């Protein structure tokens, strides 16, 4: 399994040990939501409250405001282009979701958002090249950068997920969550999924298409 192979990497092992916000459990188990998030009614997707607002810069060098996502179903992940462990896996998941929404005929109502946790290195030009390598449709899949404090605040304080420097790890100098976040048309977080666990990725695709088709 992808998750088991990745766990052999020192950098990801540090990531998983970095704090209580990353709860992996057994393979295939859904990650425990961060403290303070709501519970789902039976048979419904949970509502974890509003996604945080942000104003950043996309891979074209244009301002990108989270308000532009209103009325869309979207998925966020957290990556950086120098990452050689979990980030390529997450980007492949996002590419899979991009294709799945096209195949399901709901591409017009969905978007993908990748926030760089290494914004000092990941300039718009660097992100544009990374986006191109992953086949990103720039009208639907946005790679975002900005000031480090601002981006990290969105991740830590807004989404309540892990990002932390690990300068002692030359392979993975930034520890960050492997979770992807599903957000509905009203801006509410409806799911958190571990992108290194195939069962979670399948659940994310299913839930994304469910929201987008509803």
Protein backbone atom coordinates (compact mmCIF):
# COMPACT_ATOMS: atom_id res chain seq x y z
CA UNK A 1 0.00 0.00 0.00
CA UNK A 2 1.11 3.58 -0.65
CA UNK A 3 0.88 4.55 3.00
CA UNK A 4 3.05 1.66 4.19
CA UNK A 5 5.76 2.37 1.62
CA UNK A 6 5.83 6.03 2.54
CA UNK A 7 6.17 5.29 6.22
CA UNK A 8 9.58 3.84 5.47
CA UNK A 9 10.84 7.37 4.68
CA UNK A 10 12.54 9.18 7.55
CA UNK A 11 10.95 12.49 6.63
CA UNK A 12 7.39 11.21 6.71
CA UNK A 13 8.05 9.32 9.91
CA UNK A 14 9.05 12.65 11.46
CA UNK A 15 5.89 14.17 10.01
CA UNK A 16 3.69 11.54 11.61
CA UNK A 17 5.39 11.94 14.97
CA UNK A 18 5.31 15.71 14.93
CA UNK A 19 2.11 16.26 16.86
CA UNK A 20 -1.35 15.19 17.94
CA UNK A 21 -3.08 16.72 14.93
CA UNK A 22 -1.95 13.79 12.79
CA UNK A 23 -3.79 10.67 13.90
CA UNK A 24 -3.18 7.80 11.50
CA UNK A 25 -4.44 4.72 13.37
CA UNK A 26 -4.77 1.50 11.43
CA UNK A 27 -4.40 1.55 7.62
CA UNK A 28 -7.65 2.68 6.06
CA UNK A 29 -8.96 4.35 9.23
CA UNK A 30 -10.40 7.83 8.78
CA UNK A 31 -8.23 10.45 10.53
CA UNK A 32 -9.64 11.87 13.75
CA UNK A 33 -10.92 15.41 13.11
CA UNK A 34 -9.13 18.25 14.92
CA UNK A 35 -10.55 19.15 18.33
CA UNK A 36 -13.57 21.43 18.19
CA UNK A 37 -14.93 20.17 14.88
CA UNK A 38 -18.56 19.03 14.74
CA UNK A 39 -20.14 15.61 14.42
CA UNK A 40 -22.14 14.26 11.49
CA UNK A 41 -25.76 13.26 11.67
CA UNK A 42 -26.18 9.60 10.77
CA UNK A 43 -26.11 9.09 7.01
CA UNK A 44 -24.79 12.58 6.29
CA UNK A 45 -21.36 14.03 5.77
CA UNK A 46 -20.10 15.84 8.88
CA UNK A 47 -20.10 19.63 9.03
CA UNK A 48 -16.83 20.77 10.59
CA UNK A 49 -17.60 24.48 10.38
CA UNK A 50 -16.40 27.14 7.94
CA UNK A 51 -13.18 26.93 5.99
CA UNK A 52 -10.85 29.83 6.82
CA UNK A 53 -10.74 32.89 4.56
CA UNK A 54 -7.49 33.70 2.78
CA UNK A 55 -6.04 36.06 0.19
CA UNK A 56 -2.98 34.61 -1.53
CA UNK A 57 -1.33 34.51 -4.97
CA UNK A 58 -1.83 31.80 -7.58
CA UNK A 59 0.59 30.17 -10.01
CA UNK A 60 -0.11 32.86 -12.60
CA UNK A 61 0.96 35.55 -10.15
CA UNK A 62 -2.62 36.77 -9.77
CA UNK A 63 -4.38 37.50 -6.46
CA UNK A 64 -6.57 34.63 -5.31
CA UNK A 65 -9.30 35.23 -2.74
CA UNK A 66 -11.09 32.34 -1.04
CA UNK A 67 -14.32 34.25 -1.64
CA UNK A 68 -14.03 33.22 -5.31
CA UNK A 69 -14.66 29.62 -4.21
CA UNK A 70 -18.15 30.37 -2.91
CA UNK A 71 -20.72 28.31 -4.76
CA UNK A 72 -18.13 25.68 -5.69
CA UNK A 73 -17.28 22.34 -4.11
CA UNK A 74 -13.52 22.28 -3.55
CA UNK A 75 -10.70 20.22 -2.14
CA UNK A 76 -7.57 21.65 -0.49
CA UNK A 77 -4.23 20.01 0.10
CA UNK A 78 -0.95 21.28 1.54
CA UNK A 79 2.29 20.62 -0.33
CA UNK A 80 5.63 22.07 -1.36
CA UNK A 81 7.52 21.57 -4.57
CA UNK A 82 10.82 20.43 -3.01
CA UNK A 83 9.03 17.65 -1.12
CA UNK A 84 9.97 14.16 -2.33
CA UNK A 85 7.89 12.05 0.08
CA UNK A 86 4.21 12.73 0.71
CA UNK A 87 3.67 15.71 -1.63
CA UNK A 88 3.97 13.84 -4.93
CA UNK A 89 1.41 11.36 -3.58
CA UNK A 90 -0.99 14.14 -2.64
CA UNK A 91 -0.58 15.83 -6.02
CA UNK A 92 -1.37 12.56 -7.78
CA UNK A 93 -4.52 12.31 -5.66
CA UNK A 94 -5.52 15.82 -6.72
CA UNK A 95 -4.88 14.92 -10.37
CA UNK A 96 -7.10 11.88 -9.90
CA UNK A 97 -9.87 14.08 -8.49
CA UNK A 98 -9.50 16.52 -11.37
CA UNK A 99 -10.03 13.68 -13.84
CA UNK A 100 -12.87 12.11 -11.82
CA UNK A 101 -14.88 15.33 -11.85
CA UNK A 102 -14.43 15.62 -15.61
CA UNK A 103 -15.57 12.05 -16.13
CA UNK A 104 -18.58 12.60 -13.85
CA UNK A 105 -19.60 15.77 -15.69
CA UNK A 106 -19.24 18.01 -12.62
CA UNK A 107 -15.98 19.77 -13.51
CA UNK A 108 -17.67 23.16 -13.82
CA UNK A 109 -18.80 23.06 -10.18
CA UNK A 110 -15.60 21.87 -8.55
CA UNK A 111 -12.14 23.29 -7.86
CA UNK A 112 -8.85 22.11 -6.37
CA UNK A 113 -6.60 24.27 -4.19
CA UNK A 114 -3.00 23.40 -3.30
CA UNK A 115 -1.44 25.68 -0.68
CA UNK A 116 2.35 25.72 -0.60
CA UNK A 117 3.76 25.41 2.91
CA UNK A 118 7.15 26.54 1.52
CA UNK A 119 6.12 29.88 0.01
CA UNK A 120 9.57 31.44 0.27
CA UNK A 121 10.80 28.93 -2.31
CA UNK A 122 7.53 28.28 -4.13
CA UNK A 123 7.11 31.43 -6.19
CA UNK A 124 4.31 31.60 -8.77
CA UNK A 125 6.77 30.55 -11.49
CA UNK A 126 7.93 27.53 -9.48
CA UNK A 127 4.33 26.57 -8.75
CA UNK A 128 3.36 26.98 -12.41
CA UNK A 129 6.07 24.52 -13.45
CA UNK A 130 4.97 22.08 -10.73
CA UNK A 131 1.33 22.44 -11.77
CA UNK A 132 2.26 21.71 -15.38
CA UNK A 133 4.10 18.53 -14.36
CA UNK A 134 0.94 17.29 -12.69
CA UNK A 135 -1.37 18.15 -15.57
CA UNK A 136 -3.26 20.82 -13.65
CA UNK A 137 -6.03 22.69 -15.41
CA UNK A 138 -5.22 26.29 -14.33
CA UNK A 139 -8.88 27.29 -14.47
CA UNK A 140 -9.79 24.65 -11.87
CA UNK A 141 -6.66 23.68 -9.94
CA UNK A 142 -5.02 26.59 -8.14
CA UNK A 143 -1.56 26.50 -6.55
CA UNK A 144 -1.21 29.24 -3.95
CA UNK A 145 1.68 31.04 -2.31
CA UNK A 146 2.17 34.17 -0.19
CA UNK A 147 3.93 35.31 2.94
CA UNK A 148 5.00 32.37 5.09
CA UNK A 149 3.32 33.60 8.27
CA UNK A 150 0.08 34.16 6.40
CA UNK A 151 0.06 30.74 4.73
CA UNK A 152 1.04 28.90 7.89
CA UNK A 153 -1.67 30.72 9.84
CA UNK A 154 -4.27 29.52 7.33
CA UNK A 155 -3.07 25.94 7.81
CA UNK A 156 -2.56 26.00 11.58
CA UNK A 157 -5.17 28.46 12.82
CA UNK A 158 -7.71 28.18 10.04
CA UNK A 159 -7.79 24.52 9.06
CA UNK A 160 -6.27 23.48 12.44
CA UNK A 161 -3.76 21.17 10.76
CA UNK A 162 -0.07 20.57 11.21
CA UNK A 163 2.77 22.48 9.60
CA UNK A 164 6.14 22.81 11.31
CA UNK A 165 9.80 23.33 10.37
CA UNK A 166 12.09 20.31 10.64
CA UNK A 167 15.50 21.85 9.84
CA UNK A 168 17.32 18.76 11.08
CA UNK A 169 15.73 16.71 8.28
CA UNK A 170 17.48 17.47 4.99
CA UNK A 171 15.02 15.30 3.06
CA UNK A 172 11.84 16.79 4.47
CA UNK A 173 12.57 20.26 5.97
CA UNK A 174 8.89 20.99 6.56
CA UNK A 175 6.55 18.61 8.36
CA UNK A 176 2.95 18.99 7.32
CA UNK A 177 -0.35 17.18 7.30
CA UNK A 178 -1.09 14.56 4.63
CA UNK A 179 -4.79 15.39 4.90
CA UNK A 180 -6.97 16.73 2.12
CA UNK A 181 -9.95 18.88 3.06
CA UNK A 182 -13.35 18.75 1.35
CA UNK A 183 -15.38 21.98 1.36
CA UNK A 184 -18.97 22.40 0.17
CA UNK A 185 -20.63 25.22 -1.78
CA UNK A 186 -21.44 27.18 1.36
CA UNK A 187 -17.82 27.16 2.51
CA UNK A 188 -18.25 24.50 5.20
CA UNK A 189 -15.64 21.78 5.73
CA UNK A 190 -17.31 18.42 5.14
CA UNK A 191 -14.46 15.95 5.41
CA UNK A 192 -10.77 15.36 6.15
CA UNK A 193 -8.98 12.50 4.39
CA UNK A 194 -5.50 11.01 4.58
CA UNK A 195 -4.06 11.21 1.09
CA UNK A 196 -1.61 8.35 1.76
CA UNK A 197 -4.37 5.83 2.58
CA UNK A 198 -6.14 4.38 -0.49
CA UNK A 199 -9.42 3.84 1.35
CA UNK A 200 -9.50 7.50 2.36
CA UNK A 201 -8.74 8.62 -1.18
CA UNK A 202 -11.62 6.51 -2.47
CA UNK A 203 -13.91 8.01 0.18
CA UNK A 204 -12.82 11.53 -0.77
CA UNK A 205 -13.54 10.94 -4.45
CA UNK A 206 -16.94 9.49 -3.61
CA UNK A 207 -17.85 12.34 -1.23
CA UNK A 208 -16.60 15.02 -3.64
CA UNK A 209 -18.74 13.68 -6.47
CA UNK A 210 -21.68 13.32 -4.09
CA UNK A 211 -21.51 16.98 -3.05
CA UNK A 212 -20.85 18.20 -6.59
CA UNK A 213 -23.80 16.24 -7.96
CA UNK A 214 -26.21 17.33 -5.25
